[in-house]
Amino acid sequence: MTLERKVAQAFRLTDENWMKHANPWSVWTRYSVLPLIVLAFWSRVWIGWWCMIPGVVSLLWMFFNPVFFAKPKSTRNWASKSVLGERVYGKSEKPRALSVMG
């Protein structure tokens, strides 16, 4: 099993969940994860261990985001196409020379 398939399995990305993840709102709201993690790390000096709260919340959001939204009405936008392309890439067999993880 490839790394991509293990990640998809960890996020419970079934066929239906991939379509939910292809919702543009799902794609755009996932961009909120990195700033929250950076903010949590940056504020650790001021608020101490309380910085773990935004960090954990953002990681939970990253985990549950793909299944939180409904299926998109249309996949004719770049966000949906990128998610569906990610799915195709994860299912494809990659040449050994191009495999990063071995």
C-alpha atoms as a PDB file:
ATOM      1  CA  MET A   1       0.000   0.000   0.000  1.00  0.00           C
ATOM      2  CA  THR A   2       1.396   3.363  -1.009  1.00  0.00           C
ATOM      3  CA  LEU A   3       1.699   6.351   1.298  1.00  0.00           C
ATOM      4  CA  GLU A   4      -1.067   8.174  -0.582  1.00  0.00           C
ATOM      5  CA  ARG A   5      -3.467   5.271  -0.052  1.00  0.00           C
ATOM      6  CA  LYS A   6      -2.580   5.064   3.643  1.00  0.00           C
ATOM      7  CA  VAL A   7      -3.321   8.772   4.090  1.00  0.00           C
ATOM      8  CA  ALA A   8      -6.633   8.449   2.223  1.00  0.00           C
ATOM      9  CA  GLN A   9      -7.526   5.481   4.396  1.00  0.00           C
ATOM     10  CA  ALA A  10      -6.613   7.395   7.580  1.00  0.00           C
ATOM     11  CA  PHE A  11      -8.919  10.254   6.518  1.00  0.00           C
ATOM     12  CA  ARG A  12     -11.657   7.720   5.641  1.00  0.00           C
ATOM     13  CA  LEU A  13     -11.862   8.926   2.060  1.00  0.00           C
ATOM     14  CA  THR A  14     -14.367   6.586   0.455  1.00  0.00           C
ATOM     15  CA  ASP A  15     -15.834   7.336  -2.979  1.00  0.00           C
ATOM     16  CA  GLU A  16     -18.622   9.397  -1.401  1.00  0.00           C
ATOM     17  CA  ASN A  17     -16.232  11.226   0.933  1.00  0.00           C
ATOM     18  CA  TRP A  18     -13.926  12.104  -1.973  1.00  0.00           C
ATOM     19  CA  MET A  19     -16.891  13.805  -3.628  1.00  0.00           C
ATOM     20  CA  LYS A  20     -17.668  15.700  -0.417  1.00  0.00           C
ATOM     21  CA  HIS A  21     -14.020  16.714  -0.217  1.00  0.00           C
ATOM     22  CA  ALA A  22     -14.273  17.996  -3.797  1.00  0.00           C
ATOM     23  CA  ASN A  23     -16.666  20.695  -2.587  1.00  0.00           C
ATOM     24  CA  PRO A  24     -14.921  24.071  -3.104  1.00  0.00           C
ATOM     25  CA  TRP A  25     -15.888  25.118   0.436  1.00  0.00           C
ATOM     26  CA  SER A  26     -13.967  22.120   1.759  1.00  0.00           C
ATOM     27  CA  VAL A  27     -10.897  23.116  -0.241  1.00  0.00           C
ATOM     28  CA  TRP A  28     -11.006  26.789   0.732  1.00  0.00           C
ATOM     29  CA  THR A  29     -11.630  26.173   4.426  1.00  0.00           C
ATOM     30  CA  ARG A  30      -8.698  23.772   4.642  1.00  0.00           C
ATOM     31  CA  TYR A  31      -6.470  26.758   3.976  1.00  0.00           C
ATOM     32  CA  SER A  32      -7.324  27.916   7.513  1.00  0.00           C
ATOM     33  CA  VAL A  33      -5.355  25.039   9.055  1.00  0.00           C
ATOM     34  CA  LEU A  34      -1.814  26.248   8.429  1.00  0.00           C
ATOM     35  CA  PRO A  35      -2.324  29.802   9.766  1.00  0.00           C
ATOM     36  CA  LEU A  36      -3.923  28.404  12.934  1.00  0.00           C
ATOM     37  CA  ILE A  37      -1.030  26.021  13.517  1.00  0.00           C
ATOM     38  CA  VAL A  38       1.478  28.834  12.922  1.00  0.00           C
ATOM     39  CA  LEU A  39      -0.468  31.120  15.266  1.00  0.00           C
ATOM     40  CA  ALA A  40      -0.546  28.439  17.955  1.00  0.00           C
ATOM     41  CA  PHE A  41       3.202  27.864  17.674  1.00  0.00           C
ATOM     42  CA  TRP A  42       3.958  31.583  17.562  1.00  0.00           C
ATOM     43  CA  SER A  43       1.804  32.349  20.637  1.00  0.00           C
ATOM     44  CA  ARG A  44       3.295  29.597  22.829  1.00  0.00           C
ATOM     45  CA  VAL A  45       5.503  32.149  24.604  1.00  0.00           C
ATOM     46  CA  TRP A  46       2.520  34.317  25.587  1.00  0.00           C
ATOM     47  CA  ILE A  47      -0.068  31.717  26.512  1.00  0.00           C
ATOM     48  CA  GLY A  48       2.067  28.678  27.343  1.00  0.00           C
ATOM     49  CA  TRP A  49       0.412  25.301  27.018  1.00  0.00           C
ATOM     50  CA  TRP A  50      -2.892  26.949  26.050  1.00  0.00           C
ATOM     51  CA  CYS A  51      -1.369  27.215  22.580  1.00  0.00           C
ATOM     52  CA  MET A  52      -2.197  23.535  22.173  1.00  0.00           C
ATOM     53  CA  ILE A  53      -5.922  24.337  21.906  1.00  0.00           C
ATOM     54  CA  PRO A  54      -5.800  26.107  18.504  1.00  0.00           C
ATOM     55  CA  GLY A  55      -3.237  23.566  17.332  1.00  0.00           C
ATOM     56  CA  VAL A  56      -5.419  20.581  18.226  1.00  0.00           C
ATOM     57  CA  VAL A  57      -8.561  22.281  16.899  1.00  0.00           C
ATOM     58  CA  SER A  58      -6.878  22.956  13.560  1.00  0.00           C
ATOM     59  CA  LEU A  59      -5.634  19.360  13.297  1.00  0.00           C
ATOM     60  CA  LEU A  60      -9.122  18.056  14.093  1.00  0.00           C
ATOM     61  CA  TRP A  61     -10.558  20.418  11.488  1.00  0.00           C
ATOM     62  CA  MET A  62      -8.066  19.101   8.934  1.00  0.00           C
ATOM     63  CA  PHE A  63      -9.151  15.542   9.749  1.00  0.00           C
ATOM     64  CA  PHE A  64     -12.923  16.111   9.683  1.00  0.00           C
ATOM     65  CA  ASN A  65     -13.074  18.735   6.929  1.00  0.00           C
ATOM     66  CA  PRO A  66     -13.218  16.297   3.965  1.00  0.00           C
ATOM     67  CA  VAL A  67     -16.479  14.765   5.215  1.00  0.00           C
ATOM     68  CA  PHE A  68     -18.095  17.864   6.728  1.00  0.00           C
ATOM     69  CA  PHE A  69     -19.415  19.391   3.493  1.00  0.00           C
ATOM     70  CA  ALA A  70     -22.028  18.128   1.038  1.00  0.00           C
ATOM     71  CA  LYS A  71     -21.229  16.930  -2.465  1.00  0.00           C
ATOM     72  CA  PRO A  72     -20.641  19.857  -4.838  1.00  0.00           C
ATOM     73  CA  LYS A  73     -23.328  20.852  -7.304  1.00  0.00           C
ATOM     74  CA  SER A  74     -20.655  21.083  -9.988  1.00  0.00           C
ATOM     75  CA  THR A  75     -17.042  20.004 -10.278  1.00  0.00           C
ATOM     76  CA  ARG A  76     -16.296  22.541 -13.004  1.00  0.00           C
ATOM     77  CA  ASN A  77     -13.957  24.636 -10.858  1.00  0.00           C
ATOM     78  CA  TRP A  78     -10.278  24.373 -10.094  1.00  0.00           C
ATOM     79  CA  ALA A  79     -10.774  23.377  -6.441  1.00  0.00           C
ATOM     80  CA  SER A  80     -12.916  20.342  -7.265  1.00  0.00           C
ATOM     81  CA  LYS A  81     -10.688  19.383 -10.162  1.00  0.00           C
ATOM     82  CA  SER A  82      -7.579  19.524  -7.953  1.00  0.00           C
ATOM     83  CA  VAL A  83      -9.162  17.203  -5.368  1.00  0.00           C
ATOM     84  CA  LEU A  84     -10.321  14.774  -8.040  1.00  0.00           C
ATOM     85  CA  GLY A  85      -6.848  14.918  -9.593  1.00  0.00           C
ATOM     86  CA  GLU A  86      -5.379  14.118  -6.191  1.00  0.00           C
ATOM     87  CA  ARG A  87      -7.641  11.085  -6.067  1.00  0.00           C
ATOM     88  CA  VAL A  88      -6.558   9.906  -9.512  1.00  0.00           C
ATOM     89  CA  TYR A  89      -2.904  10.393  -8.574  1.00  0.00           C
ATOM     90  CA  GLY A  90      -3.383   8.397  -5.370  1.00  0.00           C
ATOM     91  CA  LYS A  91      -4.929   5.489  -7.248  1.00  0.00           C
ATOM     92  CA  SER A  92      -2.326   5.376 -10.017  1.00  0.00           C
ATOM     93  CA  GLU A  93       0.724   3.193  -9.978  1.00  0.00           C
ATOM     94  CA  LYS A  94       3.779   5.405 -10.011  1.00  0.00           C
ATOM     95  CA  PRO A  95       7.080   4.401 -11.583  1.00  0.00           C
ATOM     96  CA  ARG A  96       9.591   3.291  -8.959  1.00  0.00           C
ATOM     97  CA  ALA A  97      12.077   6.011 -10.001  1.00  0.00           C
ATOM     98  CA  LEU A  98       9.510   8.747  -9.259  1.00  0.00           C
ATOM     99  CA  SER A  99       8.479   7.364  -5.882  1.00  0.00           C
ATOM    100  CA  VAL A 100       9.670   9.653  -3.110  1.00  0.00           C
ATOM    101  CA  MET A 101       9.116   7.307  -0.190  1.00  0.00           C
ATOM    102  CA  GLY A 102      10.567   4.169  -1.780  1.00  0.00           C
END
